[in-house]
Amino acid sequence: MKSIILVLLLSFGATDCFAETESTGQTTIKRLVSYNQQGDVIFTVNNPSSNCYGYWISKSDAGFDANLSMVLAAYHAKSPVRVYGLNHIKWSGSSNFWCKLYAIENTR
């Protein structure tokens, strides 16, 4: 019984987290900006999702180096990507709604 309750709780928790994540379709990276003082990197895509003007990563993110490498490679190669953003975490550097990057996938 306890294991059934645990599975249900984990399922609802995963669903809530997933609901706060949205993705683009296949797209390419349009613009890339890096900020020196706070270490944030922002980028926009050619076909954004409905709620994310663009995406941001912070130098303090555990996956910053790997994500920045993927963003840079996709930007320079004009490779198709799918971007997943956390639409409940807004970047404070703009009045537009920049979603926190959750994941980036190379779709080539």
N, C-alpha and C. Protein backbone atom coordinates (compact mmCIF):
# COMPACT_ATOMS: atom_id res chain seq x y z
N MET A 1 0.82 -1.19 0.00
CA MET A 1 0.00 0.00 0.00
C MET A 1 0.87 1.25 0.00
N LYS A 2 1.91 1.25 0.84
CA LYS A 2 2.80 2.41 0.91
C LYS A 2 3.48 2.65 -0.43
N SER A 3 3.86 1.59 -1.10
CA SER A 3 4.55 1.76 -2.39
C SER A 3 3.60 2.31 -3.45
N ILE A 4 2.32 1.96 -3.39
CA ILE A 4 1.33 2.51 -4.33
C ILE A 4 1.16 4.00 -4.10
N ILE A 5 1.08 4.41 -2.86
CA ILE A 5 0.95 5.83 -2.53
C ILE A 5 2.20 6.59 -2.99
N LEU A 6 3.36 6.01 -2.77
CA LEU A 6 4.60 6.64 -3.20
C LEU A 6 4.64 6.82 -4.71
N VAL A 7 4.25 5.79 -5.44
CA VAL A 7 4.22 5.88 -6.91
C VAL A 7 3.26 6.97 -7.36
N LEU A 8 2.09 7.05 -6.74
CA LEU A 8 1.11 8.09 -7.10
C LEU A 8 1.65 9.49 -6.80
N LEU A 9 2.27 9.66 -5.65
CA LEU A 9 2.84 10.96 -5.31
C LEU A 9 3.95 11.36 -6.29
N LEU A 10 4.81 10.43 -6.63
CA LEU A 10 5.87 10.72 -7.58
C LEU A 10 5.31 11.03 -8.96
N SER A 11 4.25 10.35 -9.34
CA SER A 11 3.62 10.61 -10.64
C SER A 11 3.04 12.00 -10.70
N PHE A 12 2.36 12.42 -9.65
CA PHE A 12 1.79 13.76 -9.64
C PHE A 12 2.88 14.82 -9.60
N GLY A 13 3.95 14.55 -8.86
CA GLY A 13 5.06 15.50 -8.82
C GLY A 13 5.72 15.65 -10.17
N ALA A 14 5.91 14.55 -10.87
CA ALA A 14 6.53 14.59 -12.21
C ALA A 14 5.62 15.30 -13.19
N THR A 15 4.31 15.10 -13.06
CA THR A 15 3.36 15.75 -13.95
C THR A 15 3.38 17.26 -13.75
N ASP A 16 3.43 17.71 -12.50
CA ASP A 16 3.47 19.14 -12.23
C ASP A 16 4.74 19.76 -12.79
N CYS A 17 5.85 19.11 -12.64
CA CYS A 17 7.11 19.63 -13.15
C CYS A 17 7.07 19.69 -14.67
N PHE A 18 6.52 18.64 -15.30
CA PHE A 18 6.45 18.61 -16.75
C PHE A 18 5.53 19.70 -17.27
N ALA A 19 4.46 20.01 -16.54
CA ALA A 19 3.51 21.03 -16.96
C ALA A 19 4.17 22.40 -17.02
N GLU A 20 5.22 22.62 -16.27
CA GLU A 20 5.92 23.90 -16.26
C GLU A 20 6.99 23.95 -17.33
N THR A 21 7.16 22.89 -18.09
CA THR A 21 8.15 22.82 -19.16
C THR A 21 7.42 22.85 -20.50
N GLU A 22 7.92 23.69 -21.39
CA GLU A 22 7.35 23.69 -22.73
C GLU A 22 8.48 23.65 -23.74
N SER A 23 8.17 23.16 -24.93
CA SER A 23 9.23 23.01 -25.92
C SER A 23 8.85 23.68 -27.23
N THR A 24 9.88 23.99 -27.98
CA THR A 24 9.69 24.47 -29.33
C THR A 24 9.50 23.25 -30.22
N GLY A 25 9.09 23.47 -31.43
CA GLY A 25 9.20 22.45 -32.45
C GLY A 25 10.65 22.48 -32.92
N GLN A 26 10.93 21.84 -34.02
CA GLN A 26 12.29 21.91 -34.57
C GLN A 26 12.53 23.35 -35.02
N THR A 27 13.65 23.92 -34.64
CA THR A 27 13.96 25.32 -34.93
C THR A 27 15.47 25.51 -34.99
N THR A 28 15.90 26.73 -35.23
CA THR A 28 17.32 27.07 -35.19
C THR A 28 17.51 28.28 -34.27
N ILE A 29 18.71 28.44 -33.79
CA ILE A 29 19.01 29.54 -32.89
C ILE A 29 19.24 30.81 -33.71
N LYS A 30 18.53 31.86 -33.34
CA LYS A 30 18.52 33.11 -34.09
C LYS A 30 19.52 34.13 -33.54
N ARG A 31 19.56 34.28 -32.24
CA ARG A 31 20.36 35.32 -31.60
C ARG A 31 20.94 34.77 -30.31
N LEU A 32 22.15 35.20 -29.99
CA LEU A 32 22.86 34.71 -28.81
C LEU A 32 23.58 35.89 -28.15
N VAL A 33 23.37 36.07 -26.84
CA VAL A 33 24.00 37.18 -26.11
C VAL A 33 24.57 36.64 -24.80
N SER A 34 25.80 37.04 -24.49
CA SER A 34 26.43 36.65 -23.24
C SER A 34 26.71 37.91 -22.41
N TYR A 35 26.35 37.87 -21.12
CA TYR A 35 26.55 39.00 -20.24
C TYR A 35 27.70 38.74 -19.29
N ASN A 36 28.62 39.67 -19.23
CA ASN A 36 29.85 39.52 -18.47
C ASN A 36 29.64 39.54 -16.96
N GLN A 37 28.90 40.49 -16.44
CA GLN A 37 28.81 40.68 -15.00
C GLN A 37 28.13 39.53 -14.26
N GLN A 38 26.96 39.13 -14.72
CA GLN A 38 26.26 38.06 -14.02
C GLN A 38 26.53 36.68 -14.61
N GLY A 39 27.13 36.63 -15.79
CA GLY A 39 27.44 35.34 -16.40
C GLY A 39 26.28 34.68 -17.10
N ASP A 40 25.18 35.42 -17.29
CA ASP A 40 24.02 34.85 -17.97
C ASP A 40 24.24 34.82 -19.48
N VAL A 41 23.63 33.85 -20.12
CA VAL A 41 23.62 33.75 -21.57
C VAL A 41 22.16 33.62 -21.99
N ILE A 42 21.75 34.43 -22.96
CA ILE A 42 20.39 34.36 -23.47
C ILE A 42 20.43 34.04 -24.96
N PHE A 43 19.36 33.42 -25.45
CA PHE A 43 19.26 33.18 -26.88
C PHE A 43 17.80 33.11 -27.30
N THR A 44 17.58 33.45 -28.56
CA THR A 44 16.26 33.33 -29.15
C THR A 44 16.32 32.32 -30.29
N VAL A 45 15.17 31.81 -30.66
CA VAL A 45 15.08 30.83 -31.74
C VAL A 45 14.13 31.35 -32.81
N ASN A 46 14.22 30.79 -33.99
CA ASN A 46 13.38 31.23 -35.10
C ASN A 46 11.91 30.85 -34.95
N ASN A 47 11.63 29.76 -34.27
CA ASN A 47 10.25 29.31 -34.05
C ASN A 47 10.02 29.08 -32.56
N PRO A 48 9.81 30.16 -31.80
CA PRO A 48 9.69 30.00 -30.35
C PRO A 48 8.39 29.33 -29.93
N SER A 49 8.36 28.86 -28.70
CA SER A 49 7.12 28.33 -28.14
C SER A 49 6.21 29.51 -27.81
N SER A 50 4.99 29.23 -27.46
CA SER A 50 4.01 30.30 -27.26
C SER A 50 4.29 31.21 -26.07
N ASN A 51 4.90 30.69 -25.01
CA ASN A 51 5.08 31.48 -23.80
C ASN A 51 6.51 31.96 -23.55
N CYS A 52 7.46 31.51 -24.33
CA CYS A 52 8.86 31.87 -24.10
C CYS A 52 9.38 32.78 -25.22
N TYR A 53 9.66 34.03 -24.88
CA TYR A 53 10.24 34.95 -25.86
C TYR A 53 11.63 34.47 -26.27
N GLY A 54 12.37 33.96 -25.28
CA GLY A 54 13.70 33.41 -25.48
C GLY A 54 14.05 32.55 -24.29
N TYR A 55 15.32 32.16 -24.20
CA TYR A 55 15.77 31.24 -23.15
C TYR A 55 17.03 31.77 -22.51
N TRP A 56 17.27 31.39 -21.26
CA TRP A 56 18.46 31.86 -20.57
C TRP A 56 19.06 30.76 -19.73
N ILE A 57 20.38 30.86 -19.57
CA ILE A 57 21.11 29.98 -18.67
C ILE A 57 22.02 30.85 -17.82
N SER A 58 22.30 30.40 -16.64
CA SER A 58 23.13 31.15 -15.70
C SER A 58 24.43 30.39 -15.45
N LYS A 59 25.47 31.13 -15.24
CA LYS A 59 26.79 30.55 -14.97
C LYS A 59 26.73 29.60 -13.77
N SER A 60 25.81 29.83 -12.86
CA SER A 60 25.70 28.98 -11.66
C SER A 60 24.95 27.67 -11.92
N ASP A 61 24.36 27.50 -13.10
CA ASP A 61 23.67 26.26 -13.43
C ASP A 61 24.65 25.09 -13.53
N ALA A 62 24.27 23.95 -13.01
CA ALA A 62 25.15 22.77 -13.04
C ALA A 62 25.52 22.37 -14.47
N GLY A 63 24.60 22.50 -15.40
CA GLY A 63 24.86 22.11 -16.78
C GLY A 63 25.27 23.25 -17.70
N PHE A 64 25.70 24.37 -17.12
CA PHE A 64 26.01 25.56 -17.91
C PHE A 64 26.99 25.29 -19.04
N ASP A 65 28.12 24.68 -18.74
CA ASP A 65 29.15 24.46 -19.76
C ASP A 65 28.66 23.57 -20.90
N ALA A 66 27.99 22.49 -20.56
CA ALA A 66 27.48 21.58 -21.59
C ALA A 66 26.40 22.26 -22.43
N ASN A 67 25.49 22.97 -21.77
CA ASN A 67 24.42 23.65 -22.51
C ASN A 67 24.96 24.77 -23.38
N LEU A 68 25.91 25.54 -22.85
CA LEU A 68 26.51 26.61 -23.65
C LEU A 68 27.22 26.03 -24.87
N SER A 69 27.91 24.93 -24.71
CA SER A 69 28.58 24.28 -25.85
C SER A 69 27.57 23.87 -26.92
N MET A 70 26.45 23.30 -26.49
CA MET A 70 25.43 22.89 -27.46
C MET A 70 24.79 24.09 -28.15
N VAL A 71 24.52 25.14 -27.39
CA VAL A 71 23.92 26.34 -27.97
C VAL A 71 24.88 26.96 -28.99
N LEU A 72 26.15 27.10 -28.62
CA LEU A 72 27.14 27.68 -29.53
C LEU A 72 27.30 26.84 -30.80
N ALA A 73 27.41 25.54 -30.64
CA ALA A 73 27.58 24.66 -31.79
C ALA A 73 26.37 24.74 -32.72
N ALA A 74 25.18 24.71 -32.16
CA ALA A 74 23.96 24.78 -32.98
C ALA A 74 23.83 26.13 -33.66
N TYR A 75 24.20 27.18 -32.97
CA TYR A 75 24.13 28.53 -33.53
C TYR A 75 25.06 28.68 -34.73
N HIS A 76 26.30 28.28 -34.57
CA HIS A 76 27.29 28.43 -35.66
C HIS A 76 27.02 27.49 -36.83
N ALA A 77 26.55 26.29 -36.55
CA ALA A 77 26.29 25.33 -37.61
C ALA A 77 24.88 25.47 -38.20
N LYS A 78 24.08 26.34 -37.57
CA LYS A 78 22.68 26.48 -37.97
C LYS A 78 21.95 25.13 -37.94
N SER A 79 22.32 24.33 -36.96
CA SER A 79 21.72 22.99 -36.79
C SER A 79 20.33 23.10 -36.20
N PRO A 80 19.43 22.21 -36.59
CA PRO A 80 18.10 22.19 -35.99
C PRO A 80 18.16 21.67 -34.56
N VAL A 81 17.40 22.32 -33.70
CA VAL A 81 17.34 21.94 -32.28
C VAL A 81 15.89 21.97 -31.82
N ARG A 82 15.66 21.37 -30.68
CA ARG A 82 14.41 21.50 -29.95
C ARG A 82 14.81 22.01 -28.57
N VAL A 83 14.16 23.08 -28.13
CA VAL A 83 14.52 23.73 -26.88
C VAL A 83 13.38 23.54 -25.88
N TYR A 84 13.73 23.16 -24.66
CA TYR A 84 12.76 22.97 -23.58
C TYR A 84 13.02 24.04 -22.53
N GLY A 85 11.98 24.80 -22.18
CA GLY A 85 12.14 25.88 -21.21
C GLY A 85 11.21 25.71 -20.03
N LEU A 86 11.66 26.19 -18.89
CA LEU A 86 10.83 26.21 -17.69
C LEU A 86 10.06 27.52 -17.72
N ASN A 87 8.77 27.45 -18.00
CA ASN A 87 8.01 28.68 -18.19
C ASN A 87 7.55 29.34 -16.89
N HIS A 88 7.95 28.82 -15.78
CA HIS A 88 7.61 29.44 -14.50
C HIS A 88 8.82 30.16 -13.88
N ILE A 89 9.96 30.13 -14.56
CA ILE A 89 11.16 30.82 -14.06
C ILE A 89 11.57 31.86 -15.08
N LYS A 90 11.28 33.12 -14.79
CA LYS A 90 11.52 34.22 -15.71
C LYS A 90 12.90 34.83 -15.46
N TRP A 91 13.57 35.22 -16.54
CA TRP A 91 14.85 35.92 -16.43
C TRP A 91 14.57 37.35 -16.02
N SER A 92 15.27 37.83 -15.01
CA SER A 92 15.02 39.18 -14.49
C SER A 92 15.68 40.28 -15.32
N GLY A 93 16.46 39.93 -16.33
CA GLY A 93 17.17 40.93 -17.12
C GLY A 93 16.35 41.62 -18.18
N SER A 94 15.04 41.29 -18.30
CA SER A 94 14.23 41.87 -19.36
C SER A 94 12.76 41.88 -18.94
N SER A 95 12.00 42.75 -19.58
CA SER A 95 10.55 42.75 -19.33
C SER A 95 9.85 41.68 -20.15
N ASN A 96 10.51 41.18 -21.22
CA ASN A 96 9.96 40.05 -21.99
C ASN A 96 10.09 38.78 -21.17
N PHE A 97 9.32 37.77 -21.51
CA PHE A 97 9.35 36.52 -20.75
C PHE A 97 10.37 35.55 -21.34
N TRP A 98 11.55 35.53 -20.75
CA TRP A 98 12.63 34.60 -21.12
C TRP A 98 12.54 33.41 -20.18
N CYS A 99 12.35 32.24 -20.72
CA CYS A 99 12.23 31.02 -19.92
C CYS A 99 13.61 30.46 -19.57
N LYS A 100 13.72 29.91 -18.39
CA LYS A 100 14.94 29.22 -17.96
C LYS A 100 15.11 27.96 -18.82
N LEU A 101 16.30 27.78 -19.38
CA LEU A 101 16.56 26.60 -20.20
C LEU A 101 16.51 25.35 -19.34
N TYR A 102 15.73 24.38 -19.78
CA TYR A 102 15.66 23.09 -19.12
C TYR A 102 16.53 22.09 -19.87
N ALA A 103 16.43 22.08 -21.19
CA ALA A 103 17.22 21.16 -22.02
C ALA A 103 17.26 21.67 -23.45
N ILE A 104 18.29 21.26 -24.16
CA ILE A 104 18.38 21.54 -25.59
C ILE A 104 18.77 20.24 -26.28
N GLU A 105 18.08 19.97 -27.37
CA GLU A 105 18.27 18.70 -28.09
C GLU A 105 18.64 18.99 -29.54
N ASN A 106 19.72 18.40 -30.00
CA ASN A 106 20.09 18.51 -31.41
C ASN A 106 19.22 17.53 -32.18
N THR A 107 18.46 18.02 -33.15
CA THR A 107 17.51 17.16 -33.86
C THR A 107 18.01 16.73 -35.24
N ARG A 108 19.26 16.97 -35.51
CA ARG A 108 19.82 16.57 -36.81
C ARG A 108 20.09 15.10 -36.84
